[in-house]
Structure formats: structure tokens, C-alpha cells
Amino acid sequence: MYFFNLKALLLDLKHNNVTERESALYVVIPVMIMMGYSYYSPLLDGLESLVDNVIFLINFIILFIVNGGNNGNNF
């Protein structure tokens, strides 16, 4: 993960050295942080937010598998 070394990430993206699994993690980690916020938000119902988050994660895993997993293209 390149969260603090963005120049290395930029070079690896240019040279196509980032795996599909790493690409998926760059999406999942910020989304999970936002999910945690939505669960504890006083403006939203906690149970509804939890169910939405679980549905999102299941769909994300299905999309990753349908794309071919780590051997897929352009996730």
C-alpha cells in the first residue's frame, strides 16, 4: 500500500505494476471508513446503515470475483 508514498504509487500505476487486489483495497479501505462514520451518525438509523454496508461489501466481493479476482483486468 502506498498511502504515504504517492510518487511510488504514481510510477507503479504508469508501469502497470499495481495488482487488482491492491486496486480493490484502495477502494475498500476508504469506503469502510465512511461506512463506520455512517453507522455512528446520529442522522441515520444504525441498523439500516449496517445492512446497507453489508450489502455493499457483498456486492463488491462479487464484482471482484466476476472480474477475475487478482488475475482480472481494470478493476
Protein backbone atom coordinates (compact mmCIF):
# COMPACT_ATOMS: atom_id res chain seq x y z
CA MET A 1 0.00 0.00 0.00
CA TYR A 2 1.29 3.41 -0.96
CA PHE A 3 -0.74 5.73 1.27
CA PHE A 4 2.29 7.80 2.25
CA ASN A 5 4.50 7.30 -0.82
CA LEU A 6 2.37 8.72 -3.62
CA LYS A 7 5.29 9.13 -6.03
CA ALA A 8 5.96 5.39 -5.92
CA LEU A 9 2.24 4.75 -6.48
CA LEU A 10 2.23 7.07 -9.49
CA LEU A 11 5.22 5.28 -11.01
CA ASP A 12 3.70 1.84 -10.41
CA LEU A 13 0.41 2.94 -11.96
CA LYS A 14 2.24 4.25 -15.02
CA HIS A 15 4.13 0.97 -15.40
CA ASN A 16 1.07 -1.18 -14.62
CA ASN A 17 2.66 -2.77 -11.53
CA VAL A 18 -0.38 -2.44 -9.22
CA THR A 19 -2.27 -5.70 -8.82
CA GLU A 20 -6.05 -5.95 -8.97
CA ARG A 21 -6.12 -6.86 -5.31
CA GLU A 22 -4.25 -3.67 -4.39
CA SER A 23 -6.64 -1.67 -6.57
CA ALA A 24 -9.59 -3.19 -4.72
CA LEU A 25 -8.03 -2.31 -1.37
CA TYR A 26 -7.67 1.32 -2.43
CA VAL A 27 -11.44 1.37 -2.87
CA VAL A 28 -12.49 -0.75 0.10
CA ILE A 29 -10.45 0.96 2.84
CA PRO A 30 -11.86 4.50 2.35
CA VAL A 31 -15.36 3.09 1.85
CA MET A 32 -15.11 1.12 5.10
CA ILE A 33 -14.05 4.29 6.92
CA MET A 34 -17.11 6.07 5.53
CA MET A 35 -19.25 3.08 6.49
CA GLY A 36 -18.05 3.34 10.08
CA TYR A 37 -18.99 7.01 10.11
CA SER A 38 -22.44 6.32 8.67
CA TYR A 39 -23.13 3.63 11.27
CA TYR A 40 -22.47 6.03 14.15
CA SER A 41 -24.06 9.07 12.52
CA PRO A 42 -26.98 10.42 14.56
CA LEU A 43 -28.78 11.36 11.33
CA LEU A 44 -29.07 7.77 10.08
CA ASP A 45 -30.66 4.65 11.51
CA GLY A 46 -27.86 2.32 12.71
CA LEU A 47 -29.48 -0.94 11.61
CA GLU A 48 -30.37 0.37 8.16
CA SER A 49 -26.84 1.71 7.74
CA LEU A 50 -25.35 -1.62 8.82
CA VAL A 51 -27.50 -3.55 6.34
CA ASP A 52 -26.54 -1.14 3.53
CA ASN A 53 -22.87 -1.58 4.37
CA VAL A 54 -23.09 -5.38 4.37
CA ILE A 55 -24.91 -5.35 1.03
CA PHE A 56 -22.24 -3.07 -0.43
CA LEU A 57 -19.40 -5.34 0.74
CA ILE A 58 -21.09 -8.47 -0.63
CA ASN A 59 -21.65 -6.79 -3.99
CA PHE A 60 -18.06 -5.52 -4.05
CA ILE A 61 -16.71 -9.03 -3.43
CA ILE A 62 -18.97 -10.45 -6.14
CA LEU A 63 -17.76 -7.81 -8.62
CA PHE A 64 -14.13 -8.55 -7.75
CA ILE A 65 -14.67 -12.29 -8.33
CA VAL A 66 -16.60 -11.75 -11.58
CA ASN A 67 -13.76 -9.53 -12.82
CA GLY A 68 -11.40 -12.48 -12.39
CA GLY A 69 -10.07 -11.75 -8.92
CA ASN A 70 -6.40 -10.87 -8.81
CA ASN A 71 -6.00 -12.04 -12.43
CA GLY A 72 -8.74 -9.71 -13.72
CA ASN A 73 -8.33 -6.53 -15.74
CA ASN A 74 -9.10 -2.88 -14.94
CA PHE A 75 -10.87 -3.39 -11.64
